[in-house]
Protein backbone atom coordinates (compact mmCIF):
# COMPACT_ATOMS: atom_id res chain seq x y z
CA MET A 1 9.71 -5.60 -6.56
CA ALA A 2 9.56 -6.69 -2.93
CA ASN A 3 12.02 -9.09 -1.39
CA TYR A 4 10.51 -11.72 0.89
CA PHE A 5 12.04 -13.56 3.85
CA ALA A 6 13.08 -16.96 2.52
CA TYR A 7 12.23 -20.17 4.35
CA THR A 8 11.49 -23.71 3.27
CA ASP A 9 8.64 -26.09 4.02
CA ASP A 10 11.13 -28.03 6.15
CA ASP A 11 11.83 -24.87 8.18
CA LEU A 12 8.10 -24.39 8.69
CA ALA A 13 7.64 -28.01 9.73
CA ALA A 14 10.53 -27.74 12.21
CA LEU A 15 8.95 -24.67 13.82
CA ALA A 16 5.56 -26.41 13.99
CA ALA A 17 7.16 -29.43 15.67
CA LYS A 18 8.89 -27.28 18.32
CA ASN A 19 5.74 -25.93 19.91
CA LYS A 20 2.17 -27.25 19.98
CA LYS A 21 0.51 -23.80 19.90
CA LEU A 22 2.83 -22.53 17.17
CA GLY A 23 2.18 -25.72 15.19
CA ALA A 24 -1.57 -25.17 15.45
CA ALA A 25 -1.18 -21.55 14.31
CA ILE A 26 0.97 -22.61 11.35
CA ALA A 27 -1.60 -25.26 10.40
CA ARG A 28 -4.40 -22.68 10.59
CA ILE A 29 -2.62 -19.72 8.93
CA GLY A 30 -0.17 -21.44 6.60
CA ARG A 31 2.77 -19.83 4.89
CA ILE A 32 3.32 -16.11 5.45
CA ASP A 33 5.27 -14.01 2.97
CA ARG A 34 7.10 -11.36 5.01
CA VAL A 35 8.65 -8.48 3.11
CA VAL A 36 12.30 -7.93 4.00
CA GLN A 37 13.45 -4.35 4.60
CA PRO A 38 17.04 -4.41 3.27
CA ASP A 39 18.04 -1.15 5.01
CA LEU A 40 18.79 -2.13 8.61
CA PHE A 41 18.28 1.36 10.05
CA ALA A 42 14.92 1.75 8.32
CA ALA A 43 13.97 -1.76 9.52
CA LEU A 44 14.80 -0.77 13.11
CA VAL A 45 12.73 2.44 12.89
CA GLU A 46 9.79 0.55 11.34
CA SER A 47 10.01 -2.06 14.08
CA ILE A 48 9.97 0.59 16.82
CA ILE A 49 6.99 2.32 15.21
CA GLY A 50 5.04 -0.93 15.00
CA GLN A 51 5.71 -2.28 18.49
CA GLN A 52 2.78 -0.80 20.37
CA ILE A 53 0.27 0.13 17.69
CA SER A 54 -1.76 -1.53 14.96
CA GLY A 55 -0.20 -2.42 11.62
CA LYS A 56 -2.38 0.12 9.80
CA ALA A 57 -1.41 2.94 12.18
CA ALA A 58 2.26 1.94 11.98
CA GLY A 59 2.11 2.00 8.18
CA THR A 60 0.56 5.48 8.23
CA ILE A 61 3.22 6.79 10.61
CA LYS A 62 6.03 5.23 8.57
CA ASP A 63 4.64 6.75 5.37
CA ARG A 64 4.43 10.19 7.04
CA LEU A 65 8.01 9.84 8.29
CA VAL A 66 9.24 8.92 4.80
CA THR A 67 7.36 11.92 3.35
CA LEU A 68 8.80 14.23 6.01
CA THR A 69 12.40 13.02 5.70
CA GLY A 70 12.62 11.87 2.10
CA GLY A 71 13.81 8.48 3.39
CA ILE A 72 14.44 6.82 6.73
CA THR A 73 18.15 7.30 7.28
CA PRO A 74 20.14 8.25 10.39
CA THR A 75 21.05 11.60 8.78
CA ALA A 76 17.43 12.39 7.85
CA ILE A 77 16.17 11.51 11.33
CA ALA A 78 18.93 13.53 13.04
CA ALA A 79 18.07 16.55 10.87
CA LEU A 80 14.46 16.67 12.12
CA PRO A 81 13.63 19.48 14.53
CA ASP A 82 12.97 18.47 18.14
CA GLU A 83 9.49 19.98 17.97
CA GLY A 84 7.13 19.29 15.10
């Protein structure tokens, strides 16, 4: 079962009030349930993967990395050969 980032309606309203464009986006999009990655190293790697590419491509790369390593851990990443 996924864990989601917790925030209240008051938190959302405070963000919307801080910035006109952000407020308009919140009004248009509404509440977003964001899955929390509890492993901080894996979260960092996933963030790096997703920074410059689409979400779908990032998901594919992350899935391949998990398959290759058995899990995104510092030890598993360090054990990868320099050339693939």
